[in-house]
Amino acid sequence: MSDPVITWATVALVGVTAYYAIEASRSRRIAQKQLTSIIEPIITVGTLKRPNHMVYLRVANHGHSAALDVRFTVDKTIPTIAGIPLFTEEPLFTHGSDCIEPGAEYFYPLGGAPAVLGEDSVFPKSFAVTATYTWQNRSVSERSVVDVGSYRGSVPNPEDTEPKGT
């Protein structure tokens, strides 16, 4: 073979090798993101309406790792409803938690459905809770919008209210 053919073949080989090196690097980054999303903590804050017509705030770690040094902030003032203690005054919200383990769930009563969801209720129809925590030496902040008003007109899960078995 002549020198120009060898030169072009070498250039083509280097180009193909560089392309595969870039693609391998992208694949590694994608795999790392997928692995991280599988094992990281996922702190969620939402509501739960029970058959006893109580509405609860649920804080949970749905991830597969512990969230460390967890702190919560709420964007609105939450009123007291019918003498039920404010969740914002509970230790998890006032002092945070050193660790929320995977699968951990915390429930705080917001009030009876008519008092919380009624047309004349002073309870905010939505508010945001931000959870800030540490995981793998980095700070993570997750904001959950709690839409209490979406429960207006709904009923508890019928499976929870029907008698079980005979």
N, C-alpha and C. Protein backbone atom coordinates (compact mmCIF):
# COMPACT_ATOMS: atom_id res chain seq x y z
N MET A 1 0.84 -1.18 0.00
CA MET A 1 0.00 0.00 0.00
C MET A 1 0.88 1.24 0.00
N SER A 2 0.29 2.29 -0.55
CA SER A 2 1.06 3.53 -0.61
C SER A 2 0.87 4.32 0.67
N ASP A 3 1.73 5.27 0.87
CA ASP A 3 1.68 6.09 2.09
C ASP A 3 0.37 6.85 2.25
N PRO A 4 -0.24 7.46 1.20
CA PRO A 4 -1.50 8.18 1.40
C PRO A 4 -2.63 7.25 1.86
N VAL A 5 -2.67 6.01 1.37
CA VAL A 5 -3.72 5.08 1.77
C VAL A 5 -3.57 4.72 3.25
N ILE A 6 -2.32 4.47 3.65
CA ILE A 6 -2.05 4.14 5.06
C ILE A 6 -2.39 5.34 5.94
N THR A 7 -2.06 6.52 5.50
CA THR A 7 -2.36 7.73 6.27
C THR A 7 -3.86 7.89 6.45
N TRP A 8 -4.65 7.77 5.37
CA TRP A 8 -6.10 7.90 5.46
C TRP A 8 -6.73 6.78 6.29
N ALA A 9 -6.20 5.58 6.17
CA ALA A 9 -6.71 4.48 6.99
C ALA A 9 -6.44 4.73 8.46
N THR A 10 -5.27 5.28 8.76
CA THR A 10 -4.91 5.59 10.15
C THR A 10 -5.82 6.70 10.69
N VAL A 11 -6.07 7.74 9.88
CA VAL A 11 -6.95 8.83 10.28
C VAL A 11 -8.36 8.30 10.54
N ALA A 12 -8.84 7.45 9.65
CA ALA A 12 -10.17 6.87 9.82
C ALA A 12 -10.24 6.03 11.08
N LEU A 13 -9.23 5.24 11.34
CA LEU A 13 -9.19 4.40 12.54
C LEU A 13 -9.16 5.25 13.80
N VAL A 14 -8.38 6.33 13.79
CA VAL A 14 -8.33 7.23 14.94
C VAL A 14 -9.69 7.89 15.14
N GLY A 15 -10.35 8.29 14.06
CA GLY A 15 -11.67 8.91 14.15
C GLY A 15 -12.71 7.97 14.74
N VAL A 16 -12.72 6.74 14.24
CA VAL A 16 -13.67 5.74 14.76
C VAL A 16 -13.39 5.45 16.23
N THR A 17 -12.13 5.34 16.60
CA THR A 17 -11.75 5.08 17.99
C THR A 17 -12.19 6.25 18.89
N ALA A 18 -11.99 7.49 18.43
CA ALA A 18 -12.39 8.66 19.21
C ALA A 18 -13.91 8.68 19.39
N TYR A 19 -14.65 8.35 18.32
CA TYR A 19 -16.11 8.32 18.40
C TYR A 19 -16.56 7.30 19.46
N TYR A 20 -16.00 6.11 19.44
CA TYR A 20 -16.39 5.09 20.42
C TYR A 20 -15.96 5.45 21.84
N ALA A 21 -14.86 6.16 21.97
CA ALA A 21 -14.43 6.61 23.30
C ALA A 21 -15.42 7.63 23.86
N ILE A 22 -15.88 8.54 22.99
CA ILE A 22 -16.87 9.54 23.44
C ILE A 22 -18.19 8.86 23.81
N GLU A 23 -18.64 7.94 23.00
CA GLU A 23 -19.88 7.22 23.28
C GLU A 23 -19.79 6.40 24.57
N ALA A 24 -18.63 5.78 24.80
CA ALA A 24 -18.43 5.01 26.03
C ALA A 24 -18.49 5.93 27.25
N SER A 25 -17.93 7.12 27.12
CA SER A 25 -17.96 8.08 28.21
C SER A 25 -19.40 8.53 28.50
N ARG A 26 -20.17 8.79 27.45
CA ARG A 26 -21.58 9.16 27.62
C ARG A 26 -22.36 8.03 28.27
N SER A 27 -22.13 6.82 27.84
CA SER A 27 -22.83 5.66 28.41
C SER A 27 -22.50 5.51 29.89
N ARG A 28 -21.25 5.75 30.27
CA ARG A 28 -20.84 5.65 31.66
C ARG A 28 -21.56 6.71 32.49
N ARG A 29 -21.66 7.94 31.98
CA ARG A 29 -22.36 9.00 32.72
C ARG A 29 -23.84 8.67 32.88
N ILE A 30 -24.46 8.15 31.84
CA ILE A 30 -25.87 7.77 31.92
C ILE A 30 -26.06 6.65 32.94
N ALA A 31 -25.19 5.65 32.91
CA ALA A 31 -25.28 4.54 33.87
C ALA A 31 -25.09 5.03 35.29
N GLN A 32 -24.17 5.99 35.49
CA GLN A 32 -23.93 6.53 36.82
C GLN A 32 -25.16 7.28 37.33
N LYS A 33 -25.81 8.06 36.44
CA LYS A 33 -27.03 8.77 36.84
C LYS A 33 -28.14 7.79 37.19
N GLN A 34 -28.27 6.72 36.42
CA GLN A 34 -29.31 5.72 36.70
C GLN A 34 -29.04 5.03 38.03
N LEU A 35 -27.81 4.68 38.30
CA LEU A 35 -27.46 4.04 39.56
C LEU A 35 -27.74 4.98 40.73
N THR A 36 -27.36 6.24 40.57
CA THR A 36 -27.60 7.21 41.62
C THR A 36 -29.09 7.35 41.90
N SER A 37 -29.90 7.42 40.84
CA SER A 37 -31.34 7.58 41.04
C SER A 37 -31.96 6.36 41.71
N ILE A 38 -31.34 5.22 41.57
CA ILE A 38 -31.86 4.00 42.20
C ILE A 38 -31.55 3.97 43.69
N ILE A 39 -30.38 4.48 44.09
CA ILE A 39 -29.96 4.32 45.48
C ILE A 39 -30.11 5.56 46.34
N GLU A 40 -30.40 6.73 45.77
CA GLU A 40 -30.46 7.93 46.57
C GLU A 40 -31.74 8.01 47.40
N PRO A 41 -31.73 8.81 48.48
CA PRO A 41 -32.95 9.03 49.24
C PRO A 41 -33.93 9.85 48.41
N ILE A 42 -35.21 9.64 48.64
CA ILE A 42 -36.26 10.44 48.00
C ILE A 42 -37.24 10.84 49.10
N ILE A 43 -37.11 12.07 49.57
CA ILE A 43 -37.98 12.56 50.63
C ILE A 43 -39.21 13.19 49.99
N THR A 44 -40.40 12.68 50.34
CA THR A 44 -41.64 13.22 49.81
C THR A 44 -42.52 13.71 50.95
N VAL A 45 -43.31 14.71 50.64
CA VAL A 45 -44.27 15.25 51.60
C VAL A 45 -45.60 15.36 50.85
N GLY A 46 -46.63 14.77 51.39
CA GLY A 46 -47.94 14.79 50.74
C GLY A 46 -49.04 14.61 51.75
N THR A 47 -50.25 14.47 51.25
CA THR A 47 -51.40 14.31 52.15
C THR A 47 -52.00 12.92 51.99
N LEU A 48 -52.77 12.55 52.97
CA LEU A 48 -53.45 11.27 52.99
C LEU A 48 -54.80 11.48 53.65
N LYS A 49 -55.87 11.08 52.99
CA LYS A 49 -57.21 11.19 53.56
C LYS A 49 -57.64 9.79 53.97
N ARG A 50 -57.99 9.64 55.22
CA ARG A 50 -58.33 8.32 55.78
C ARG A 50 -59.84 8.14 55.91
N PRO A 51 -60.30 6.89 56.07
CA PRO A 51 -61.74 6.61 56.21
C PRO A 51 -62.39 7.33 57.39
N ASN A 52 -61.60 7.70 58.40
CA ASN A 52 -62.18 8.41 59.54
C ASN A 52 -62.37 9.90 59.22
N HIS A 53 -62.18 10.27 57.95
CA HIS A 53 -62.34 11.63 57.44
C HIS A 53 -61.32 12.60 58.00
N MET A 54 -60.21 12.07 58.46
CA MET A 54 -59.09 12.91 58.87
C MET A 54 -58.14 13.06 57.68
N VAL A 55 -57.54 14.23 57.58
CA VAL A 55 -56.53 14.48 56.55
C VAL A 55 -55.19 14.56 57.28
N TYR A 56 -54.23 13.80 56.78
CA TYR A 56 -52.91 13.73 57.39
C TYR A 56 -51.84 14.24 56.44
N LEU A 57 -50.78 14.77 57.01
CA LEU A 57 -49.58 15.08 56.24
C LEU A 57 -48.65 13.88 56.40
N ARG A 58 -48.14 13.39 55.27
CA ARG A 58 -47.23 12.23 55.33
C ARG A 58 -45.86 12.66 54.81
N VAL A 59 -44.84 12.41 55.62
CA VAL A 59 -43.44 12.64 55.24
C VAL A 59 -42.82 11.26 55.13
N ALA A 60 -42.16 10.98 54.00
CA ALA A 60 -41.61 9.64 53.79
C ALA A 60 -40.29 9.69 53.03
N ASN A 61 -39.48 8.68 53.26
CA ASN A 61 -38.27 8.46 52.46
C ASN A 61 -38.56 7.26 51.58
N HIS A 62 -38.83 7.50 50.31
CA HIS A 62 -39.13 6.43 49.37
C HIS A 62 -37.88 5.92 48.65
N GLY A 63 -36.73 6.45 49.01
CA GLY A 63 -35.48 6.03 48.37
C GLY A 63 -34.88 4.80 49.03
N HIS A 64 -33.67 4.47 48.63
CA HIS A 64 -33.00 3.28 49.13
C HIS A 64 -31.78 3.60 49.99
N SER A 65 -31.62 4.87 50.35
CA SER A 65 -30.52 5.29 51.24
C SER A 65 -31.08 6.24 52.28
N ALA A 66 -30.36 6.37 53.36
CA ALA A 66 -30.78 7.28 54.42
C ALA A 66 -30.47 8.72 54.03
N ALA A 67 -31.38 9.61 54.38
CA ALA A 67 -31.15 11.05 54.24
C ALA A 67 -30.62 11.53 55.59
N LEU A 68 -29.52 12.26 55.57
CA LEU A 68 -28.87 12.69 56.80
C LEU A 68 -29.06 14.19 57.02
N ASP A 69 -29.09 14.59 58.29
CA ASP A 69 -29.19 16.00 58.68
C ASP A 69 -30.35 16.67 57.94
N VAL A 70 -31.55 16.13 58.12
CA VAL A 70 -32.74 16.57 57.38
C VAL A 70 -33.39 17.76 58.08
N ARG A 71 -33.70 18.79 57.30
CA ARG A 71 -34.40 19.98 57.81
C ARG A 71 -35.56 20.28 56.88
N PHE A 72 -36.66 20.79 57.46
CA PHE A 72 -37.86 21.11 56.69
C PHE A 72 -38.21 22.58 56.86
N THR A 73 -38.69 23.19 55.78
CA THR A 73 -39.24 24.54 55.84
C THR A 73 -40.59 24.52 55.13
N VAL A 74 -41.52 25.31 55.65
CA VAL A 74 -42.87 25.40 55.09
C VAL A 74 -43.06 26.84 54.62
N ASP A 75 -43.61 27.02 53.42
CA ASP A 75 -43.69 28.36 52.83
C ASP A 75 -44.88 29.20 53.29
N LYS A 76 -45.84 28.60 54.00
CA LYS A 76 -47.01 29.35 54.47
C LYS A 76 -47.25 29.07 55.94
N THR A 77 -47.94 29.98 56.59
CA THR A 77 -48.35 29.77 57.97
C THR A 77 -49.54 28.82 57.96
N ILE A 78 -49.44 27.78 58.77
CA ILE A 78 -50.50 26.78 58.84
C ILE A 78 -51.30 27.03 60.13
N PRO A 79 -52.62 27.21 60.01
CA PRO A 79 -53.43 27.49 61.20
C PRO A 79 -53.76 26.22 61.98
N THR A 80 -54.06 26.39 63.25
CA THR A 80 -54.54 25.29 64.07
C THR A 80 -56.00 25.04 63.72
N ILE A 81 -56.34 23.78 63.49
CA ILE A 81 -57.72 23.40 63.17
C ILE A 81 -58.25 22.54 64.31
N ALA A 82 -59.31 22.99 64.95
CA ALA A 82 -60.03 22.23 65.99
C ALA A 82 -59.10 21.65 67.06
N GLY A 83 -58.11 22.42 67.48
CA GLY A 83 -57.24 22.00 68.57
C GLY A 83 -56.20 20.95 68.21
N ILE A 84 -56.08 20.58 66.95
CA ILE A 84 -55.07 19.59 66.54
C ILE A 84 -53.71 20.26 66.52
N PRO A 85 -52.70 19.64 67.14
CA PRO A 85 -51.37 20.26 67.17
C PRO A 85 -50.85 20.53 65.76
N LEU A 86 -50.18 21.66 65.61
CA LEU A 86 -49.60 22.00 64.32
C LEU A 86 -48.40 21.10 64.00
N PHE A 87 -48.38 20.56 62.81
CA PHE A 87 -47.23 19.73 62.43
C PHE A 87 -45.96 20.56 62.39
N THR A 88 -46.08 21.86 62.12
CA THR A 88 -44.89 22.71 62.05
C THR A 88 -44.24 22.91 63.41
N GLU A 89 -44.96 22.53 64.48
CA GLU A 89 -44.40 22.64 65.82
C GLU A 89 -43.89 21.30 66.35
N GLU A 90 -43.98 20.26 65.55
CA GLU A 90 -43.49 18.94 65.94
C GLU A 90 -41.97 18.88 65.76
N PRO A 91 -41.27 18.05 66.53
CA PRO A 91 -39.81 18.01 66.48
C PRO A 91 -39.21 17.81 65.09
N LEU A 92 -39.84 17.00 64.24
CA LEU A 92 -39.29 16.78 62.91
C LEU A 92 -39.20 18.09 62.13
N PHE A 93 -40.16 19.00 62.35
CA PHE A 93 -40.16 20.28 61.64
C PHE A 93 -39.42 21.38 62.38
N THR A 94 -39.37 21.31 63.71
CA THR A 94 -38.67 22.37 64.45
C THR A 94 -37.18 22.11 64.56
N HIS A 95 -36.79 20.84 64.72
CA HIS A 95 -35.37 20.50 64.92
C HIS A 95 -34.80 19.65 63.80
N GLY A 96 -35.66 19.11 62.95
CA GLY A 96 -35.18 18.23 61.88
C GLY A 96 -34.87 16.84 62.42
N SER A 97 -34.11 16.10 61.63
CA SER A 97 -33.75 14.74 62.01
C SER A 97 -32.32 14.47 61.57
N ASP A 98 -31.59 13.76 62.42
CA ASP A 98 -30.22 13.37 62.04
C ASP A 98 -30.24 12.38 60.90
N CYS A 99 -31.30 11.55 60.85
CA CYS A 99 -31.35 10.51 59.83
C CYS A 99 -32.80 10.08 59.59
N ILE A 100 -33.21 10.06 58.33
CA ILE A 100 -34.49 9.46 57.97
C ILE A 100 -34.16 8.25 57.10
N GLU A 101 -34.42 7.10 57.65
CA GLU A 101 -34.05 5.84 57.00
C GLU A 101 -34.96 5.52 55.82
N PRO A 102 -34.48 4.67 54.91
CA PRO A 102 -35.34 4.25 53.79
C PRO A 102 -36.60 3.57 54.31
N GLY A 103 -37.73 3.91 53.74
CA GLY A 103 -39.00 3.31 54.14
C GLY A 103 -39.66 3.99 55.33
N ALA A 104 -38.98 4.95 55.97
CA ALA A 104 -39.57 5.63 57.12
C ALA A 104 -40.73 6.51 56.67
N GLU A 105 -41.80 6.52 57.47
CA GLU A 105 -42.96 7.36 57.21
C GLU A 105 -43.39 8.02 58.51
N TYR A 106 -43.76 9.29 58.41
CA TYR A 106 -44.24 10.05 59.56
C TYR A 106 -45.59 10.64 59.17
N PHE A 107 -46.57 10.56 60.08
CA PHE A 107 -47.91 11.06 59.81
C PHE A 107 -48.27 12.12 60.84
N TYR A 108 -48.82 13.24 60.35
CA TYR A 108 -49.24 14.34 61.21
C TYR A 108 -50.66 14.72 60.84
N PRO A 109 -51.59 14.72 61.81
CA PRO A 109 -52.98 15.09 61.49
C PRO A 109 -53.06 16.58 61.15
N LEU A 110 -53.77 16.88 60.07
CA LEU A 110 -54.02 18.28 59.71
C LEU A 110 -55.38 18.72 60.24
N GLY A 111 -56.31 17.78 60.31
CA GLY A 111 -57.65 18.09 60.82
C GLY A 111 -58.68 17.24 60.12
N GLY A 112 -59.91 17.37 60.56
CA GLY A 112 -61.01 16.66 59.92
C GLY A 112 -61.24 17.22 58.52
N ALA A 113 -61.68 16.35 57.62
CA ALA A 113 -61.86 16.76 56.22
C ALA A 113 -62.75 18.00 56.08
N PRO A 114 -63.89 18.09 56.78
CA PRO A 114 -64.72 19.29 56.62
C PRO A 114 -64.00 20.57 57.06
N ALA A 115 -63.22 20.48 58.13
CA ALA A 115 -62.52 21.66 58.64
C ALA A 115 -61.35 22.07 57.74
N VAL A 116 -60.68 21.09 57.14
CA VAL A 116 -59.52 21.36 56.29
C VAL A 116 -59.94 21.68 54.87
N LEU A 117 -60.96 20.96 54.36
CA LEU A 117 -61.32 21.07 52.95
C LEU A 117 -62.55 21.92 52.67
N GLY A 118 -63.26 22.32 53.72
CA GLY A 118 -64.50 23.07 53.53
C GLY A 118 -64.28 24.39 52.80
N GLU A 119 -65.34 24.87 52.16
CA GLU A 119 -65.28 26.13 51.41
C GLU A 119 -64.85 27.31 52.28
N ASP A 120 -65.28 27.31 53.55
CA ASP A 120 -64.97 28.43 54.43
C ASP A 120 -63.75 28.15 55.32
N SER A 121 -62.99 27.13 55.01
CA SER A 121 -61.82 26.76 55.81
C SER A 121 -60.72 27.80 55.67
N VAL A 122 -60.03 28.07 56.79
CA VAL A 122 -58.88 28.98 56.78
C VAL A 122 -57.60 28.24 56.43
N PHE A 123 -57.71 26.92 56.30
CA PHE A 123 -56.52 26.11 55.97
C PHE A 123 -56.12 26.39 54.52
N PRO A 124 -54.82 26.61 54.26
CA PRO A 124 -54.42 26.89 52.88
C PRO A 124 -54.70 25.69 51.97
N LYS A 125 -55.16 25.96 50.77
CA LYS A 125 -55.47 24.87 49.83
C LYS A 125 -54.21 24.22 49.28
N SER A 126 -53.11 24.93 49.34
CA SER A 126 -51.82 24.33 48.98
C SER A 126 -50.71 25.07 49.71
N PHE A 127 -49.63 24.37 49.94
CA PHE A 127 -48.44 24.96 50.54
C PHE A 127 -47.25 24.10 50.13
N ALA A 128 -46.07 24.64 50.25
CA ALA A 128 -44.87 23.91 49.85
C ALA A 128 -44.03 23.58 51.07
N VAL A 129 -43.47 22.38 51.06
CA VAL A 129 -42.54 21.95 52.10
C VAL A 129 -41.23 21.61 51.40
N THR A 130 -40.15 22.22 51.86
CA THR A 130 -38.84 21.95 51.29
C THR A 130 -38.04 21.12 52.30
N ALA A 131 -37.55 19.98 51.85
CA ALA A 131 -36.69 19.12 52.66
C ALA A 131 -35.26 19.33 52.17
N THR A 132 -34.37 19.67 53.08
CA THR A 132 -32.95 19.82 52.75
C THR A 132 -32.20 18.79 53.57
N TYR A 133 -31.32 18.04 52.91
CA TYR A 133 -30.59 16.98 53.61
C TYR A 133 -29.25 16.73 52.92
N THR A 134 -28.47 15.90 53.57
CA THR A 134 -27.15 15.54 53.03
C THR A 134 -27.19 14.09 52.59
N TRP A 135 -26.57 13.83 51.45
CA TRP A 135 -26.41 12.47 50.95
C TRP A 135 -25.11 12.42 50.16
N GLN A 136 -24.27 11.48 50.50
CA GLN A 136 -22.96 11.31 49.87
C GLN A 136 -22.18 12.63 49.82
N ASN A 137 -22.13 13.30 50.96
CA ASN A 137 -21.37 14.54 51.13
C ASN A 137 -21.82 15.68 50.22
N ARG A 138 -23.06 15.65 49.79
CA ARG A 138 -23.57 16.79 49.03
C ARG A 138 -24.94 17.16 49.58
N SER A 139 -25.25 18.43 49.45
CA SER A 139 -26.52 18.94 49.95
C SER A 139 -27.60 18.77 48.88
N VAL A 140 -28.75 18.26 49.31
CA VAL A 140 -29.87 18.03 48.40
C VAL A 140 -31.07 18.79 48.94
N SER A 141 -31.83 19.39 48.05
CA SER A 141 -33.04 20.11 48.43
C SER A 141 -34.18 19.62 47.54
N GLU A 142 -35.26 19.16 48.17
CA GLU A 142 -36.43 18.67 47.44
C GLU A 142 -37.65 19.44 47.91
N ARG A 143 -38.37 20.02 46.96
CA ARG A 143 -39.56 20.82 47.27
C ARG A 143 -40.80 20.02 46.87
N SER A 144 -41.72 19.87 47.82
CA SER A 144 -42.98 19.19 47.56
C SER A 144 -44.11 20.19 47.72
N VAL A 145 -44.98 20.27 46.73
CA VAL A 145 -46.16 21.10 46.86
C VAL A 145 -47.28 20.20 47.38
N VAL A 146 -47.83 20.57 48.52
CA VAL A 146 -48.90 19.82 49.15
C VAL A 146 -50.21 20.48 48.74
N ASP A 147 -50.97 19.81 47.89
CA ASP A 147 -52.21 20.35 47.34
C ASP A 147 -53.39 19.74 48.08
N VAL A 148 -53.71 20.32 49.22
CA VAL A 148 -54.81 19.83 50.05
C VAL A 148 -56.14 20.03 49.32
N GLY A 149 -56.26 21.09 48.58
CA GLY A 149 -57.50 21.41 47.89
C GLY A 149 -57.92 20.37 46.86
N SER A 150 -56.98 19.58 46.37
CA SER A 150 -57.33 18.56 45.38
C SER A 150 -58.22 17.47 45.97
N TYR A 151 -58.27 17.37 47.30
CA TYR A 151 -59.14 16.38 47.95
C TYR A 151 -60.59 16.83 48.02
N ARG A 152 -60.86 18.10 47.75
CA ARG A 152 -62.22 18.61 47.87
C ARG A 152 -63.16 17.78 47.01
N GLY A 153 -64.22 17.27 47.61
CA GLY A 153 -65.22 16.47 46.90
C GLY A 153 -64.87 15.00 46.78
N SER A 154 -63.68 14.60 47.22
CA SER A 154 -63.32 13.18 47.10
C SER A 154 -63.79 12.42 48.34
N VAL A 155 -63.80 11.11 48.23
CA VAL A 155 -64.17 10.24 49.34
C VAL A 155 -62.99 9.33 49.64
N PRO A 156 -62.94 8.74 50.83
CA PRO A 156 -61.87 7.79 51.14
C PRO A 156 -61.91 6.60 50.19
N ASN A 157 -60.81 5.91 50.08
CA ASN A 157 -60.72 4.70 49.26
C ASN A 157 -61.78 3.70 49.73
N PRO A 158 -62.70 3.28 48.85
CA PRO A 158 -63.75 2.34 49.25
C PRO A 158 -63.20 1.03 49.81
N GLU A 159 -62.04 0.61 49.36
CA GLU A 159 -61.45 -0.63 49.89
C GLU A 159 -61.09 -0.49 51.36
N ASP A 160 -60.82 0.74 51.81
CA ASP A 160 -60.49 0.96 53.20
C ASP A 160 -61.72 1.05 54.09
N THR A 161 -62.90 1.27 53.50
CA THR A 161 -64.11 1.45 54.30
C THR A 161 -65.01 0.24 54.34
N GLU A 162 -64.82 -0.70 53.41
CA GLU A 162 -65.67 -1.89 53.37
C GLU A 162 -65.17 -2.93 54.36
N PRO A 163 -66.07 -3.71 54.97
CA PRO A 163 -65.64 -4.76 55.89
C PRO A 163 -64.76 -5.78 55.17
N LYS A 164 -63.76 -6.29 55.87
CA LYS A 164 -62.84 -7.27 55.31
C LYS A 164 -63.32 -8.69 55.61
N GLY A 165 -63.47 -9.50 54.57
CA GLY A 165 -63.76 -10.93 54.72
C GLY A 165 -64.99 -11.26 55.53
N THR A 166 -65.30 -12.53 55.58
CA THR A 166 -66.43 -12.98 56.41
C THR A 166 -65.99 -14.09 57.30
